[in-house]
């Protein structure tokens, strides 16, 4: 015990400021990696890798030469296959690095532009919901969506409720596609979005909702969805979907994104979503009590 204490003291005395900084940087990096992998398919793959690594170490410690040889070869193959297996996660990580402060956009819409745009979007969503007309509206943020804009018809027009309703009217060429908004202008309509591969979604969600979730998974864009079957208005962000939104909900959720610098818009929207979720839960509980 005394020897261990002496060794620990010598280690602590040998640690300098640079060592502490080194440890903190590594800890910060590992925490960010954990946050990126949390609640994704990659989390299960990482767990499997840790199990294989642990099995390799145990087999080596027990002198199980054949098993250890097989596991080591498997680990070598996995190291080569990792870039392929984790391709979506690696792409997302590189995009997040590219969206650092040095690459942030500095343009922010003024209050009048934001107010007019949000009122037009919320009004159009209400009208489309009332008439059960499906719609898919994407708000570009820090991740550029030029690749998806090129899949549709270029418009480059100011945002108005009437234009939205004309675009999404049934039996027209642009009805089934998505509208992509950049700043305060509609860049394109009839755009094709990637579908999510998540398997735990409700059966009520159709192709529009799956495209909205898929788009929010592959970028930091927000996607507003109007269901053609139920008229429900939803908002997709970061792979999650907030449903049953009202006119005011749409404005309150989108306003902090369009009017504030991009440094803290994610946290603001997340707070809004949590607050809205609490209100909806409370309302449902009151409805259940009244029904009883």
C-alpha atoms as a PDB file:
ATOM      1  CA  UNK A   1       0.000   0.000   0.000  1.00  0.00           C
ATOM      2  CA  UNK A   2       2.794   2.406   0.904  1.00  0.00           C
ATOM      3  CA  UNK A   3       4.506   1.631  -2.409  1.00  0.00           C
ATOM      4  CA  UNK A   4       1.315   2.434  -4.314  1.00  0.00           C
ATOM      5  CA  UNK A   5       0.929   5.729  -2.473  1.00  0.00           C
ATOM      6  CA  UNK A   6       4.528   6.663  -3.254  1.00  0.00           C
ATOM      7  CA  UNK A   7       4.067   5.773  -6.932  1.00  0.00           C
ATOM      8  CA  UNK A   8       0.845   7.795  -7.092  1.00  0.00           C
ATOM      9  CA  UNK A   9       2.549  10.812  -5.536  1.00  0.00           C
ATOM     10  CA  UNK A  10       5.427  10.601  -8.005  1.00  0.00           C
ATOM     11  CA  UNK A  11       2.969  10.431 -10.902  1.00  0.00           C
ATOM     12  CA  UNK A  12       1.061  13.470  -9.631  1.00  0.00           C
ATOM     13  CA  UNK A  13       4.280  15.448  -9.184  1.00  0.00           C
ATOM     14  CA  UNK A  14       5.378  14.579 -12.719  1.00  0.00           C
ATOM     15  CA  UNK A  15       2.136  15.892 -14.283  1.00  0.00           C
ATOM     16  CA  UNK A  16       2.538  19.366 -15.764  1.00  0.00           C
ATOM     17  CA  UNK A  17       0.182  21.963 -17.217  1.00  0.00           C
ATOM     18  CA  UNK A  18       0.612  20.592 -20.744  1.00  0.00           C
ATOM     19  CA  UNK A  19      -0.317  17.095 -19.539  1.00  0.00           C
ATOM     20  CA  UNK A  20      -3.519  18.438 -17.996  1.00  0.00           C
ATOM     21  CA  UNK A  21      -4.376  20.295 -21.204  1.00  0.00           C
ATOM     22  CA  UNK A  22      -3.639  17.148 -23.193  1.00  0.00           C
ATOM     23  CA  UNK A  23      -5.988  15.085 -21.006  1.00  0.00           C
ATOM     24  CA  UNK A  24      -8.754  17.701 -21.177  1.00  0.00           C
ATOM     25  CA  UNK A  25      -8.535  17.910 -24.988  1.00  0.00           C
ATOM     26  CA  UNK A  26      -8.741  14.130 -25.321  1.00  0.00           C
ATOM     27  CA  UNK A  27     -11.650  14.005 -22.858  1.00  0.00           C
ATOM     28  CA  UNK A  28     -13.474  16.745 -24.779  1.00  0.00           C
ATOM     29  CA  UNK A  29     -12.902  14.917 -28.071  1.00  0.00           C
ATOM     30  CA  UNK A  30     -14.152  11.589 -26.673  1.00  0.00           C
ATOM     31  CA  UNK A  31     -17.222  13.327 -25.240  1.00  0.00           C
ATOM     32  CA  UNK A  32     -18.028  14.841 -28.637  1.00  0.00           C
ATOM     33  CA  UNK A  33     -17.602  11.455 -30.291  1.00  0.00           C
ATOM     34  CA  UNK A  34     -19.949   9.930 -27.725  1.00  0.00           C
ATOM     35  CA  UNK A  35     -22.556  12.655 -28.360  1.00  0.00           C
ATOM     36  CA  UNK A  36     -22.386  12.069 -32.106  1.00  0.00           C
ATOM     37  CA  UNK A  37     -22.744   8.300 -31.733  1.00  0.00           C
ATOM     38  CA  UNK A  38     -25.378   8.354 -28.993  1.00  0.00           C
ATOM     39  CA  UNK A  39     -28.776   7.009 -30.098  1.00  0.00           C
ATOM     40  CA  UNK A  40     -27.450   6.047 -33.535  1.00  0.00           C
ATOM     41  CA  UNK A  41     -26.803   2.711 -35.211  1.00  0.00           C
ATOM     42  CA  UNK A  42     -23.084   3.379 -34.830  1.00  0.00           C
ATOM     43  CA  UNK A  43     -23.428   3.093 -31.031  1.00  0.00           C
ATOM     44  CA  UNK A  44     -24.233  -0.622 -31.348  1.00  0.00           C
ATOM     45  CA  UNK A  45     -21.300  -1.121 -33.718  1.00  0.00           C
ATOM     46  CA  UNK A  46     -18.937   0.551 -31.254  1.00  0.00           C
ATOM     47  CA  UNK A  47     -20.196  -1.715 -28.470  1.00  0.00           C
ATOM     48  CA  UNK A  48     -19.510  -4.716 -30.684  1.00  0.00           C
ATOM     49  CA  UNK A  49     -15.956  -3.489 -31.318  1.00  0.00           C
ATOM     50  CA  UNK A  50     -15.356  -3.095 -27.585  1.00  0.00           C
ATOM     51  CA  UNK A  51     -16.596  -6.646 -26.990  1.00  0.00           C
ATOM     52  CA  UNK A  52     -14.201  -7.986 -29.631  1.00  0.00           C
ATOM     53  CA  UNK A  53     -11.325  -5.974 -28.168  1.00  0.00           C
ATOM     54  CA  UNK A  54     -12.080  -7.248 -24.676  1.00  0.00           C
ATOM     55  CA  UNK A  55     -12.292 -10.823 -25.956  1.00  0.00           C
ATOM     56  CA  UNK A  56      -8.923 -10.382 -27.696  1.00  0.00           C
ATOM     57  CA  UNK A  57      -7.258  -9.153 -24.505  1.00  0.00           C
ATOM     58  CA  UNK A  58      -8.789 -11.951 -22.404  1.00  0.00           C
ATOM     59  CA  UNK A  59      -7.744 -14.647 -24.884  1.00  0.00           C
ATOM     60  CA  UNK A  60      -4.195 -13.290 -24.896  1.00  0.00           C
ATOM     61  CA  UNK A  61      -4.109 -13.191 -21.085  1.00  0.00           C
ATOM     62  CA  UNK A  62      -5.364 -16.822 -20.900  1.00  0.00           C
ATOM     63  CA  UNK A  63      -2.887 -17.944 -23.597  1.00  0.00           C
ATOM     64  CA  UNK A  64      -5.670 -19.106 -25.930  1.00  0.00           C
ATOM     65  CA  UNK A  65      -3.448 -18.844 -28.974  1.00  0.00           C
ATOM     66  CA  UNK A  66      -5.880 -20.005 -31.682  1.00  0.00           C
ATOM     67  CA  UNK A  67      -8.770 -17.834 -30.477  1.00  0.00           C
ATOM     68  CA  UNK A  68      -6.437 -14.891 -30.016  1.00  0.00           C
ATOM     69  CA  UNK A  69      -5.026 -15.314 -33.529  1.00  0.00           C
ATOM     70  CA  UNK A  70      -8.556 -15.382 -35.047  1.00  0.00           C
ATOM     71  CA  UNK A  71      -9.681 -12.347 -33.064  1.00  0.00           C
ATOM     72  CA  UNK A  72      -6.588 -10.358 -33.995  1.00  0.00           C
ATOM     73  CA  UNK A  73      -7.166 -11.086 -37.687  1.00  0.00           C
ATOM     74  CA  UNK A  74     -10.805 -10.048 -37.292  1.00  0.00           C
ATOM     75  CA  UNK A  75      -9.732  -6.788 -35.668  1.00  0.00           C
ATOM     76  CA  UNK A  76      -7.329  -6.115 -38.557  1.00  0.00           C
ATOM     77  CA  UNK A  77     -10.122  -6.623 -41.098  1.00  0.00           C
ATOM     78  CA  UNK A  78     -12.442  -4.393 -39.058  1.00  0.00           C
ATOM     79  CA  UNK A  79      -9.903  -1.567 -38.998  1.00  0.00           C
ATOM     80  CA  UNK A  80      -9.961  -1.608 -42.809  1.00  0.00           C
ATOM     81  CA  UNK A  81     -13.778  -1.903 -42.952  1.00  0.00           C
ATOM     82  CA  UNK A  82     -14.502   0.840 -40.401  1.00  0.00           C
ATOM     83  CA  UNK A  83     -14.439   3.757 -42.903  1.00  0.00           C
ATOM     84  CA  UNK A  84     -17.028   1.895 -44.981  1.00  0.00           C
ATOM     85  CA  UNK A  85     -19.232   0.841 -42.059  1.00  0.00           C
ATOM     86  CA  UNK A  86     -19.172   4.280 -40.437  1.00  0.00           C
ATOM     87  CA  UNK A  87     -19.388   6.256 -43.683  1.00  0.00           C
ATOM     88  CA  UNK A  88     -22.582   8.222 -42.724  1.00  0.00           C
ATOM     89  CA  UNK A  89     -21.259   9.018 -39.243  1.00  0.00           C
ATOM     90  CA  UNK A  90     -17.836  10.064 -40.573  1.00  0.00           C
ATOM     91  CA  UNK A  91     -19.486  12.322 -43.126  1.00  0.00           C
ATOM     92  CA  UNK A  92     -21.654  13.898 -40.442  1.00  0.00           C
ATOM     93  CA  UNK A  93     -18.621  14.414 -38.185  1.00  0.00           C
ATOM     94  CA  UNK A  94     -16.638  16.117 -40.967  1.00  0.00           C
ATOM     95  CA  UNK A  95     -19.625  18.354 -41.721  1.00  0.00           C
ATOM     96  CA  UNK A  96     -19.820  19.376 -38.073  1.00  0.00           C
ATOM     97  CA  UNK A  97     -16.103  20.194 -38.070  1.00  0.00           C
ATOM     98  CA  UNK A  98     -16.602  22.237 -41.228  1.00  0.00           C
ATOM     99  CA  UNK A  99     -19.413  24.137 -39.513  1.00  0.00           C
ATOM    100  CA  UNK A 100     -16.972  25.523 -36.930  1.00  0.00           C
ATOM    101  CA  UNK A 101     -16.697  29.200 -36.066  1.00  0.00           C
ATOM    102  CA  UNK A 102     -14.226  29.883 -38.860  1.00  0.00           C
ATOM    103  CA  UNK A 103     -16.802  28.753 -41.410  1.00  0.00           C
ATOM    104  CA  UNK A 104     -19.954  30.205 -39.871  1.00  0.00           C
ATOM    105  CA  UNK A 105     -22.154  32.426 -41.989  1.00  0.00           C
ATOM    106  CA  UNK A 106     -22.354  35.958 -40.683  1.00  0.00           C
ATOM    107  CA  UNK A 107     -25.546  37.037 -42.424  1.00  0.00           C
ATOM    108  CA  UNK A 108     -28.649  37.277 -40.257  1.00  0.00           C
ATOM    109  CA  UNK A 109     -32.067  38.340 -41.508  1.00  0.00           C
ATOM    110  CA  UNK A 110     -33.435  41.571 -40.079  1.00  0.00           C
ATOM    111  CA  UNK A 111     -36.559  41.599 -37.903  1.00  0.00           C
ATOM    112  CA  UNK A 112     -38.939  42.666 -40.678  1.00  0.00           C
ATOM    113  CA  UNK A 113     -37.695  39.945 -43.044  1.00  0.00           C
ATOM    114  CA  UNK A 114     -38.022  37.305 -40.335  1.00  0.00           C
ATOM    115  CA  UNK A 115     -41.503  38.474 -39.347  1.00  0.00           C
ATOM    116  CA  UNK A 116     -42.810  38.489 -42.920  1.00  0.00           C
ATOM    117  CA  UNK A 117     -41.262  35.129 -43.751  1.00  0.00           C
ATOM    118  CA  UNK A 118     -42.521  33.352 -40.632  1.00  0.00           C
ATOM    119  CA  UNK A 119     -46.028  34.747 -41.009  1.00  0.00           C
ATOM    120  CA  UNK A 120     -46.110  33.574 -44.628  1.00  0.00           C
ATOM    121  CA  UNK A 121     -44.843  30.094 -43.706  1.00  0.00           C
ATOM    122  CA  UNK A 122     -47.244  29.702 -40.756  1.00  0.00           C
ATOM    123  CA  UNK A 123     -50.211  30.992 -42.775  1.00  0.00           C
ATOM    124  CA  UNK A 124     -49.418  28.658 -45.666  1.00  0.00           C
ATOM    125  CA  UNK A 125     -49.052  25.714 -43.271  1.00  0.00           C
ATOM    126  CA  UNK A 126     -52.456  26.514 -41.734  1.00  0.00           C
ATOM    127  CA  UNK A 127     -54.169  26.779 -45.114  1.00  0.00           C
ATOM    128  CA  UNK A 128     -52.566  23.603 -46.436  1.00  0.00           C
ATOM    129  CA  UNK A 129     -53.430  21.759 -43.215  1.00  0.00           C
ATOM    130  CA  UNK A 130     -57.060  22.883 -43.369  1.00  0.00           C
ATOM    131  CA  UNK A 131     -57.432  21.662 -46.949  1.00  0.00           C
ATOM    132  CA  UNK A 132     -55.412  18.451 -46.287  1.00  0.00           C
ATOM    133  CA  UNK A 133     -52.730  19.319 -48.841  1.00  0.00           C
ATOM    134  CA  UNK A 134     -49.332  17.756 -48.210  1.00  0.00           C
ATOM    135  CA  UNK A 135     -46.259  19.982 -48.009  1.00  0.00           C
ATOM    136  CA  UNK A 136     -42.529  19.678 -47.315  1.00  0.00           C
ATOM    137  CA  UNK A 137     -40.559  22.868 -46.546  1.00  0.00           C
ATOM    138  CA  UNK A 138     -36.810  22.787 -45.812  1.00  0.00           C
ATOM    139  CA  UNK A 139     -34.961  25.642 -44.069  1.00  0.00           C
ATOM    140  CA  UNK A 140     -31.268  25.636 -44.959  1.00  0.00           C
ATOM    141  CA  UNK A 141     -28.865  26.475 -42.141  1.00  0.00           C
ATOM    142  CA  UNK A 142     -25.090  25.995 -41.944  1.00  0.00           C
ATOM    143  CA  UNK A 143     -24.947  22.841 -44.061  1.00  0.00           C
ATOM    144  CA  UNK A 144     -25.241  23.787 -47.718  1.00  0.00           C
ATOM    145  CA  UNK A 145     -28.094  22.093 -49.579  1.00  0.00           C
ATOM    146  CA  UNK A 146     -27.013  22.885 -53.139  1.00  0.00           C
ATOM    147  CA  UNK A 147     -26.914  19.176 -54.045  1.00  0.00           C
ATOM    148  CA  UNK A 148     -30.582  18.841 -53.107  1.00  0.00           C
ATOM    149  CA  UNK A 149     -31.559  22.186 -54.685  1.00  0.00           C
ATOM    150  CA  UNK A 150     -30.200  20.932 -58.009  1.00  0.00           C
ATOM    151  CA  UNK A 151     -32.616  17.978 -57.937  1.00  0.00           C
ATOM    152  CA  UNK A 152     -35.593  20.358 -58.183  1.00  0.00           C
ATOM    153  CA  UNK A 153     -36.771  23.345 -60.196  1.00  0.00           C
ATOM    154  CA  UNK A 154     -34.919  26.587 -59.474  1.00  0.00           C
ATOM    155  CA  UNK A 155     -37.286  29.389 -58.421  1.00  0.00           C
ATOM    156  CA  UNK A 156     -35.372  32.042 -56.413  1.00  0.00           C
ATOM    157  CA  UNK A 157     -38.514  33.888 -55.309  1.00  0.00           C
ATOM    158  CA  UNK A 158     -39.615  35.781 -52.214  1.00  0.00           C
ATOM    159  CA  UNK A 159     -41.604  33.774 -49.696  1.00  0.00           C
ATOM    160  CA  UNK A 160     -45.363  34.245 -49.771  1.00  0.00           C
ATOM    161  CA  UNK A 161     -48.229  32.092 -48.539  1.00  0.00           C
ATOM    162  CA  UNK A 162     -49.854  32.195 -51.979  1.00  0.00           C
ATOM    163  CA  UNK A 163     -46.714  30.889 -53.666  1.00  0.00           C
ATOM    164  CA  UNK A 164     -46.523  27.964 -51.230  1.00  0.00           C
ATOM    165  CA  UNK A 165     -50.141  27.057 -51.895  1.00  0.00           C
ATOM    166  CA  UNK A 166     -49.599  27.191 -55.662  1.00  0.00           C
ATOM    167  CA  UNK A 167     -46.509  24.995 -55.426  1.00  0.00           C
ATOM    168  CA  UNK A 168     -48.131  22.289 -53.309  1.00  0.00           C
ATOM    169  CA  UNK A 169     -51.525  22.205 -55.009  1.00  0.00           C
ATOM    170  CA  UNK A 170     -52.304  18.551 -55.943  1.00  0.00           C
ATOM    171  CA  UNK A 171     -51.743  17.148 -59.418  1.00  0.00           C
ATOM    172  CA  UNK A 172     -49.011  19.628 -60.296  1.00  0.00           C
ATOM    173  CA  UNK A 173     -45.359  18.803 -61.169  1.00  0.00           C
ATOM    174  CA  UNK A 174     -43.978  20.275 -57.907  1.00  0.00           C
ATOM    175  CA  UNK A 175     -46.591  18.892 -55.526  1.00  0.00           C
ATOM    176  CA  UNK A 176     -44.689  15.805 -54.360  1.00  0.00           C
ATOM    177  CA  UNK A 177     -41.286  17.422 -53.967  1.00  0.00           C
ATOM    178  CA  UNK A 178     -39.802  19.631 -51.259  1.00  0.00           C
ATOM    179  CA  UNK A 179     -39.348  23.393 -51.195  1.00  0.00           C
ATOM    180  CA  UNK A 180     -35.915  24.546 -50.003  1.00  0.00           C
ATOM    181  CA  UNK A 181     -35.583  27.975 -48.383  1.00  0.00           C
ATOM    182  CA  UNK A 182     -32.268  29.825 -48.195  1.00  0.00           C
ATOM    183  CA  UNK A 183     -32.421  33.034 -46.202  1.00  0.00           C
ATOM    184  CA  UNK A 184     -35.749  34.697 -47.021  1.00  0.00           C
ATOM    185  CA  UNK A 185     -36.108  33.224 -50.518  1.00  0.00           C
ATOM    186  CA  UNK A 186     -37.446  30.014 -51.995  1.00  0.00           C
ATOM    187  CA  UNK A 187     -34.481  28.606 -53.905  1.00  0.00           C
ATOM    188  CA  UNK A 188     -36.142  25.588 -55.502  1.00  0.00           C
ATOM    189  CA  UNK A 189     -39.237  23.382 -55.462  1.00  0.00           C
ATOM    190  CA  UNK A 190     -39.866  19.757 -56.350  1.00  0.00           C
ATOM    191  CA  UNK A 191     -36.588  18.750 -54.678  1.00  0.00           C
ATOM    192  CA  UNK A 192     -35.842  15.135 -53.786  1.00  0.00           C
ATOM    193  CA  UNK A 193     -34.830  14.439 -50.177  1.00  0.00           C
ATOM    194  CA  UNK A 194     -33.191  11.328 -48.665  1.00  0.00           C
ATOM    195  CA  UNK A 195     -35.433   8.981 -46.691  1.00  0.00           C
ATOM    196  CA  UNK A 196     -34.562   8.007 -43.146  1.00  0.00           C
ATOM    197  CA  UNK A 197     -33.530   4.413 -42.495  1.00  0.00           C
ATOM    198  CA  UNK A 198     -34.926   4.436 -38.946  1.00  0.00           C
ATOM    199  CA  UNK A 199     -37.121   1.409 -38.257  1.00  0.00           C
ATOM    200  CA  UNK A 200     -38.805   2.552 -35.051  1.00  0.00           C
ATOM    201  CA  UNK A 201     -41.079   5.167 -36.638  1.00  0.00           C
ATOM    202  CA  UNK A 202     -44.846   5.147 -36.304  1.00  0.00           C
ATOM    203  CA  UNK A 203     -46.819   3.492 -39.074  1.00  0.00           C
ATOM    204  CA  UNK A 204     -48.795   6.729 -39.392  1.00  0.00           C
ATOM    205  CA  UNK A 205     -45.771   8.503 -40.862  1.00  0.00           C
ATOM    206  CA  UNK A 206     -45.620   8.451 -44.635  1.00  0.00           C
ATOM    207  CA  UNK A 207     -42.965   9.256 -47.208  1.00  0.00           C
ATOM    208  CA  UNK A 208     -43.023  13.012 -46.543  1.00  0.00           C
ATOM    209  CA  UNK A 209     -42.317  12.548 -42.847  1.00  0.00           C
ATOM    210  CA  UNK A 210     -39.598  10.000 -43.546  1.00  0.00           C
ATOM    211  CA  UNK A 211     -37.986  12.366 -46.044  1.00  0.00           C
ATOM    212  CA  UNK A 212     -38.156  15.199 -43.494  1.00  0.00           C
ATOM    213  CA  UNK A 213     -36.486  13.077 -40.807  1.00  0.00           C
ATOM    214  CA  UNK A 214     -33.890  11.807 -43.282  1.00  0.00           C
ATOM    215  CA  UNK A 215     -33.021  15.363 -44.307  1.00  0.00           C
ATOM    216  CA  UNK A 216     -32.670  16.463 -40.688  1.00  0.00           C
ATOM    217  CA  UNK A 217     -30.408  13.463 -40.021  1.00  0.00           C
ATOM    218  CA  UNK A 218     -28.008  14.293 -42.836  1.00  0.00           C
ATOM    219  CA  UNK A 219     -27.853  18.059 -42.220  1.00  0.00           C
ATOM    220  CA  UNK A 220     -28.677  20.745 -39.665  1.00  0.00           C
ATOM    221  CA  UNK A 221     -31.696  21.844 -41.707  1.00  0.00           C
ATOM    222  CA  UNK A 222     -35.169  22.112 -40.201  1.00  0.00           C
ATOM    223  CA  UNK A 223     -38.032  20.625 -42.172  1.00  0.00           C
ATOM    224  CA  UNK A 224     -41.686  21.600 -41.836  1.00  0.00           C
ATOM    225  CA  UNK A 225     -44.174  18.915 -42.885  1.00  0.00           C
ATOM    226  CA  UNK A 226     -47.912  19.065 -43.518  1.00  0.00           C
ATOM    227  CA  UNK A 227     -49.594  15.669 -43.649  1.00  0.00           C
ATOM    228  CA  UNK A 228     -51.844  15.045 -46.640  1.00  0.00           C
ATOM    229  CA  UNK A 229     -53.841  12.396 -44.751  1.00  0.00           C
ATOM    230  CA  UNK A 230     -54.445  14.141 -41.412  1.00  0.00           C
ATOM    231  CA  UNK A 231     -53.439  17.757 -41.986  1.00  0.00           C
ATOM    232  CA  UNK A 232     -51.042  17.552 -39.038  1.00  0.00           C
ATOM    233  CA  UNK A 233     -48.194  20.092 -39.031  1.00  0.00           C
ATOM    234  CA  UNK A 234     -44.810  18.725 -37.860  1.00  0.00           C
ATOM    235  CA  UNK A 235     -41.216  19.914 -37.569  1.00  0.00           C
ATOM    236  CA  UNK A 236     -38.188  17.639 -38.083  1.00  0.00           C
ATOM    237  CA  UNK A 237     -34.848  18.484 -36.474  1.00  0.00           C
ATOM    238  CA  UNK A 238     -31.796  16.344 -35.784  1.00  0.00           C
ATOM    239  CA  UNK A 239     -33.579  13.120 -36.688  1.00  0.00           C
ATOM    240  CA  UNK A 240     -36.564  13.750 -34.386  1.00  0.00           C
ATOM    241  CA  UNK A 241     -40.095  14.862 -35.238  1.00  0.00           C
ATOM    242  CA  UNK A 242     -42.289  17.278 -33.275  1.00  0.00           C
ATOM    243  CA  UNK A 243     -45.939  16.831 -34.304  1.00  0.00           C
ATOM    244  CA  UNK A 244     -49.303  18.562 -33.850  1.00  0.00           C
ATOM    245  CA  UNK A 245     -48.006  22.120 -34.203  1.00  0.00           C
ATOM    246  CA  UNK A 246     -50.217  25.202 -34.387  1.00  0.00           C
ATOM    247  CA  UNK A 247     -49.778  28.499 -36.216  1.00  0.00           C
ATOM    248  CA  UNK A 248     -48.077  30.063 -33.195  1.00  0.00           C
ATOM    249  CA  UNK A 249     -45.934  26.956 -32.578  1.00  0.00           C
ATOM    250  CA  UNK A 250     -44.462  27.239 -36.076  1.00  0.00           C
ATOM    251  CA  UNK A 251     -43.552  30.891 -35.517  1.00  0.00           C
ATOM    252  CA  UNK A 252     -42.130  30.382 -32.011  1.00  0.00           C
ATOM    253  CA  UNK A 253     -39.958  27.445 -33.118  1.00  0.00           C
ATOM    254  CA  UNK A 254     -38.587  29.053 -36.274  1.00  0.00           C
ATOM    255  CA  UNK A 255     -38.148  32.628 -35.004  1.00  0.00           C
ATOM    256  CA  UNK A 256     -35.002  32.009 -32.895  1.00  0.00           C
ATOM    257  CA  UNK A 257     -33.370  30.188 -35.800  1.00  0.00           C
ATOM    258  CA  UNK A 258     -33.931  32.915 -38.357  1.00  0.00           C
ATOM    259  CA  UNK A 259     -33.379  35.973 -36.168  1.00  0.00           C
ATOM    260  CA  UNK A 260     -30.392  34.965 -33.996  1.00  0.00           C
ATOM    261  CA  UNK A 261     -26.738  34.213 -34.878  1.00  0.00           C
ATOM    262  CA  UNK A 262     -26.058  30.544 -35.546  1.00  0.00           C
ATOM    263  CA  UNK A 263     -23.888  30.207 -32.460  1.00  0.00           C
ATOM    264  CA  UNK A 264     -26.767  29.164 -30.198  1.00  0.00           C
ATOM    265  CA  UNK A 265     -29.788  28.463 -32.375  1.00  0.00           C
ATOM    266  CA  UNK A 266     -29.696  24.710 -31.716  1.00  0.00           C
ATOM    267  CA  UNK A 267     -30.000  25.112 -27.938  1.00  0.00           C
ATOM    268  CA  UNK A 268     -32.763  27.696 -28.336  1.00  0.00           C
ATOM    269  CA  UNK A 269     -34.825  25.468 -30.600  1.00  0.00           C
ATOM    270  CA  UNK A 270     -34.271  22.477 -28.327  1.00  0.00           C
ATOM    271  CA  UNK A 271     -35.573  24.481 -25.367  1.00  0.00           C
ATOM    272  CA  UNK A 272     -38.604  25.539 -27.394  1.00  0.00           C
ATOM    273  CA  UNK A 273     -39.327  21.936 -28.389  1.00  0.00           C
ATOM    274  CA  UNK A 274     -39.059  20.728 -24.802  1.00  0.00           C
ATOM    275  CA  UNK A 275     -41.324  23.521 -23.573  1.00  0.00           C
ATOM    276  CA  UNK A 276     -43.874  22.769 -26.283  1.00  0.00           C
ATOM    277  CA  UNK A 277     -43.748  19.070 -25.454  1.00  0.00           C
ATOM    278  CA  UNK A 278     -44.457  19.804 -21.788  1.00  0.00           C
ATOM    279  CA  UNK A 279     -47.460  21.955 -22.729  1.00  0.00           C
ATOM    280  CA  UNK A 280     -48.835  19.281 -25.052  1.00  0.00           C
ATOM    281  CA  UNK A 281     -48.405  16.592 -22.377  1.00  0.00           C
ATOM    282  CA  UNK A 282     -50.193  18.768 -19.828  1.00  0.00           C
ATOM    283  CA  UNK A 283     -53.057  19.427 -22.250  1.00  0.00           C
ATOM    284  CA  UNK A 284     -53.450  15.708 -22.975  1.00  0.00           C
ATOM    285  CA  UNK A 285     -53.555  14.939 -19.252  1.00  0.00           C
ATOM    286  CA  UNK A 286     -56.255  17.561 -18.729  1.00  0.00           C
ATOM    287  CA  UNK A 287     -58.248  16.162 -21.654  1.00  0.00           C
ATOM    288  CA  UNK A 288     -58.033  12.662 -20.164  1.00  0.00           C
ATOM    289  CA  UNK A 289     -59.264  13.973 -16.802  1.00  0.00           C
ATOM    290  CA  UNK A 290     -62.175  15.772 -18.440  1.00  0.00           C
ATOM    291  CA  UNK A 291     -63.055  12.660 -20.418  1.00  0.00           C
ATOM    292  CA  UNK A 292     -63.235  10.624 -17.225  1.00  0.00           C
END
